[in-house]
């Protein structure tokens, strides 16, 4: 269940559930036990993560120096653990990108 969710995460989640209801994604998935890092959405069986990134045109937590450092650290640690991470901005929450992600999940399952 999604507890704290941004507008863009809700948009992604609604579109995903409309087109791919048979592929379950976990929201706010914690992928490292020793760290508090979470993916916005994850398909743990295929080690596929989706990060929804907003704030491209204004200053936000993710666009500050400290925020970027945390994001880079999270993505690098995910790669070391064998995860593929799709990063989407607002303009990429489209049927085409969701199809790309769904096809990847099905391919590696």
Protein backbone atom coordinates (compact mmCIF):
# COMPACT_ATOMS: atom_id res chain seq x y z
CA UNK A 1 0.00 0.00 0.00
CA UNK A 2 1.31 3.42 -0.90
CA UNK A 3 1.49 5.67 2.13
CA UNK A 4 3.42 8.78 1.12
CA UNK A 5 3.27 9.24 -2.59
CA UNK A 6 3.97 12.17 -4.87
CA UNK A 7 1.73 13.24 -7.71
CA UNK A 8 4.16 11.73 -10.23
CA UNK A 9 4.41 8.45 -8.31
CA UNK A 10 0.60 8.23 -8.25
CA UNK A 11 0.48 8.96 -11.98
CA UNK A 12 3.01 6.18 -12.64
CA UNK A 13 1.24 3.75 -10.30
CA UNK A 14 -2.18 4.38 -11.86
CA UNK A 15 -0.86 3.97 -15.39
CA UNK A 16 1.07 0.82 -14.45
CA UNK A 17 -1.97 -0.78 -12.84
CA UNK A 18 -4.06 0.07 -15.89
CA UNK A 19 -1.66 -1.50 -18.42
CA UNK A 20 0.21 -4.13 -16.37
CA UNK A 21 -2.03 -5.32 -13.54
CA UNK A 22 -0.44 -8.78 -13.67
CA UNK A 23 3.07 -7.49 -12.92
CA UNK A 24 3.14 -6.57 -9.24
CA UNK A 25 5.43 -3.77 -8.15
CA UNK A 26 6.25 -3.01 -4.53
CA UNK A 27 6.19 0.64 -3.52
CA UNK A 28 8.87 2.10 -1.25
CA UNK A 29 10.92 -1.10 -1.49
CA UNK A 30 13.93 -1.25 0.83
CA UNK A 31 16.62 -3.12 -1.07
CA UNK A 32 19.50 -3.01 1.45
CA UNK A 33 19.00 -4.20 5.00
CA UNK A 34 21.93 -2.15 6.33
CA UNK A 35 20.75 1.13 4.72
CA UNK A 36 17.47 3.02 4.63
CA UNK A 37 17.50 3.46 0.85
CA UNK A 38 14.19 2.70 -0.84
CA UNK A 39 13.13 2.46 -4.46
CA UNK A 40 9.93 4.25 -5.44
CA UNK A 41 8.79 1.00 -7.08
CA UNK A 42 10.45 -2.39 -7.40
CA UNK A 43 9.94 -5.82 -8.88
CA UNK A 44 12.18 -7.80 -6.50
CA UNK A 45 12.01 -11.09 -8.43
CA UNK A 46 13.70 -9.53 -11.46
CA UNK A 47 15.70 -6.98 -9.43
CA UNK A 48 14.12 -4.15 -11.41
CA UNK A 49 13.61 -0.76 -9.78
CA UNK A 50 11.82 2.36 -10.91
CA UNK A 51 12.73 5.78 -9.56
CA UNK A 52 10.36 8.66 -10.28
CA UNK A 53 12.33 11.91 -10.32
CA UNK A 54 10.62 15.28 -10.19
CA UNK A 55 12.02 18.72 -9.64
CA UNK A 56 13.94 19.07 -12.89
CA UNK A 57 13.07 22.73 -13.31
CA UNK A 58 13.22 23.90 -9.71
CA UNK A 59 15.34 23.35 -6.63
CA UNK A 60 14.31 20.25 -4.69
CA UNK A 61 15.87 17.76 -2.30
CA UNK A 62 17.03 15.59 -5.18
CA UNK A 63 18.69 18.47 -7.03
CA UNK A 64 20.75 19.76 -4.11
CA UNK A 65 24.36 18.68 -3.75
CA UNK A 66 23.54 16.47 -0.76
CA UNK A 67 20.46 15.03 -2.48
CA UNK A 68 22.37 14.20 -5.64
CA UNK A 69 25.09 12.51 -3.57
CA UNK A 70 22.47 10.30 -1.84
CA UNK A 71 20.84 9.44 -5.18
CA UNK A 72 24.17 8.55 -6.77
CA UNK A 73 25.14 6.46 -3.77
CA UNK A 74 21.81 4.61 -3.83
CA UNK A 75 22.01 3.86 -7.56
CA UNK A 76 25.63 2.69 -7.34
CA UNK A 77 24.89 0.37 -4.40
CA UNK A 78 21.87 -0.98 -6.27
CA UNK A 79 24.03 -1.79 -9.27
CA UNK A 80 26.53 -3.61 -7.04
CA UNK A 81 23.61 -5.69 -5.71
CA UNK A 82 22.54 -6.60 -9.26
CA UNK A 83 19.60 -4.22 -9.70
CA UNK A 84 18.60 -2.49 -12.90
CA UNK A 85 17.22 0.96 -12.11
CA UNK A 86 14.97 2.84 -14.51
CA UNK A 87 14.89 6.55 -13.75
CA UNK A 88 11.88 8.43 -15.05
CA UNK A 89 11.07 12.12 -15.05
CA UNK A 90 7.58 13.52 -15.48
CA UNK A 91 7.71 13.46 -19.28
CA UNK A 92 8.76 9.80 -19.24
CA UNK A 93 5.69 8.51 -17.41
CA UNK A 94 4.23 7.24 -20.66
CA UNK A 95 2.85 4.02 -22.04
CA UNK A 96 6.01 3.60 -24.14
CA UNK A 97 8.34 3.73 -21.14
CA UNK A 98 6.09 1.49 -19.08
CA UNK A 99 6.13 -1.01 -21.94
CA UNK A 100 9.95 -0.89 -22.00
CA UNK A 101 10.08 -1.61 -18.26
CA UNK A 102 7.42 -4.36 -18.41
CA UNK A 103 9.22 -6.04 -21.33
CA UNK A 104 12.46 -5.98 -19.38
CA UNK A 105 10.81 -7.55 -16.32
CA UNK A 106 9.23 -10.31 -18.39
CA UNK A 107 12.51 -10.95 -20.22
CA UNK A 108 14.57 -11.48 -17.07
CA UNK A 109 11.98 -13.36 -14.98
